[in-house]
Amino acid sequence: MGGTGVIDRFLEVFTRYIDSGFGLLSGEVAFIATTLIVIDVTLAALFWSWG
């Protein structure tokens, strides 16, 4: 991977995708979605740092 631009681009697209429809969720669904987002971003950061 070529620097941190890849991560910035990923987070920009991911945030735009989440903001487009997931803002309508509430309660437990929002909690699960937030948890999955945190896990996804954490795994992406780990794989990026190892690669």
C-alpha atoms as a PDB file:
ATOM      1  CA  MET A   1       0.000   0.000   0.000  1.00  0.00           C
ATOM      2  CA  GLY A   2       1.192   3.461  -0.776  1.00  0.00           C
ATOM      3  CA  GLY A   3       0.995   5.475   2.423  1.00  0.00           C
ATOM      4  CA  THR A   4      -1.923   6.638   4.490  1.00  0.00           C
ATOM      5  CA  GLY A   5      -3.910   7.990   1.537  1.00  0.00           C
ATOM      6  CA  VAL A   6      -5.496   4.578   1.086  1.00  0.00           C
ATOM      7  CA  ILE A   7      -6.822   4.587   4.646  1.00  0.00           C
ATOM      8  CA  ASP A   8      -8.056   8.167   4.333  1.00  0.00           C
ATOM      9  CA  ARG A   9      -9.907   7.296   1.128  1.00  0.00           C
ATOM     10  CA  PHE A  10     -11.385   4.144   2.702  1.00  0.00           C
ATOM     11  CA  LEU A  11     -12.631   6.047   5.748  1.00  0.00           C
ATOM     12  CA  GLU A  12     -14.084   8.806   3.551  1.00  0.00           C
ATOM     13  CA  VAL A  13     -16.061   6.358   1.412  1.00  0.00           C
ATOM     14  CA  PHE A  14     -17.067   4.263   4.424  1.00  0.00           C
ATOM     15  CA  THR A  15     -18.269   7.317   6.366  1.00  0.00           C
ATOM     16  CA  ARG A  16     -20.236   8.611   3.384  1.00  0.00           C
ATOM     17  CA  TYR A  17     -21.863   5.181   2.952  1.00  0.00           C
ATOM     18  CA  ILE A  18     -22.807   4.964   6.627  1.00  0.00           C
ATOM     19  CA  ASP A  19     -24.125   8.548   6.717  1.00  0.00           C
ATOM     20  CA  SER A  20     -26.312   7.951   3.672  1.00  0.00           C
ATOM     21  CA  GLY A  21     -28.620   5.448   5.326  1.00  0.00           C
ATOM     22  CA  PHE A  22     -27.414   4.044   8.589  1.00  0.00           C
ATOM     23  CA  GLY A  23     -28.287   7.278  10.382  1.00  0.00           C
ATOM     24  CA  LEU A  24     -31.909   6.163  10.205  1.00  0.00           C
ATOM     25  CA  LEU A  25     -31.233   3.136  12.407  1.00  0.00           C
ATOM     26  CA  SER A  26     -31.855   3.219  16.111  1.00  0.00           C
ATOM     27  CA  GLY A  27     -31.492   1.152  19.231  1.00  0.00           C
ATOM     28  CA  GLU A  28     -29.838  -2.231  19.071  1.00  0.00           C
ATOM     29  CA  VAL A  29     -29.369  -2.124  15.291  1.00  0.00           C
ATOM     30  CA  ALA A  30     -27.331   1.069  15.575  1.00  0.00           C
ATOM     31  CA  PHE A  31     -25.261  -0.502  18.365  1.00  0.00           C
ATOM     32  CA  ILE A  32     -24.532  -3.585  16.252  1.00  0.00           C
ATOM     33  CA  ALA A  33     -23.696  -1.469  13.194  1.00  0.00           C
ATOM     34  CA  THR A  34     -21.352   0.716  15.257  1.00  0.00           C
ATOM     35  CA  THR A  35     -19.664  -2.338  16.754  1.00  0.00           C
ATOM     36  CA  LEU A  36     -19.145  -3.873  13.316  1.00  0.00           C
ATOM     37  CA  ILE A  37     -17.707  -0.601  12.014  1.00  0.00           C
ATOM     38  CA  VAL A  38     -15.217  -0.454  14.883  1.00  0.00           C
ATOM     39  CA  ILE A  39     -14.175  -4.064  14.291  1.00  0.00           C
ATOM     40  CA  ASP A  40     -13.818  -3.452  10.542  1.00  0.00           C
ATOM     41  CA  VAL A  41     -11.700  -0.324  10.951  1.00  0.00           C
ATOM     42  CA  THR A  42      -9.540  -2.005  13.616  1.00  0.00           C
ATOM     43  CA  LEU A  43      -8.893  -5.025  11.405  1.00  0.00           C
ATOM     44  CA  ALA A  44      -8.125  -2.780   8.426  1.00  0.00           C
ATOM     45  CA  ALA A  45      -5.611  -0.837  10.527  1.00  0.00           C
ATOM     46  CA  LEU A  46      -3.961  -4.034  11.785  1.00  0.00           C
ATOM     47  CA  PHE A  47      -3.625  -5.523   8.305  1.00  0.00           C
ATOM     48  CA  TRP A  48      -2.317  -2.209   6.985  1.00  0.00           C
ATOM     49  CA  SER A  49       0.321  -1.986   9.716  1.00  0.00           C
ATOM     50  CA  TRP A  50       1.442  -5.596   9.135  1.00  0.00           C
ATOM     51  CA  GLY A  51       1.624  -5.174   5.364  1.00  0.00           C
END
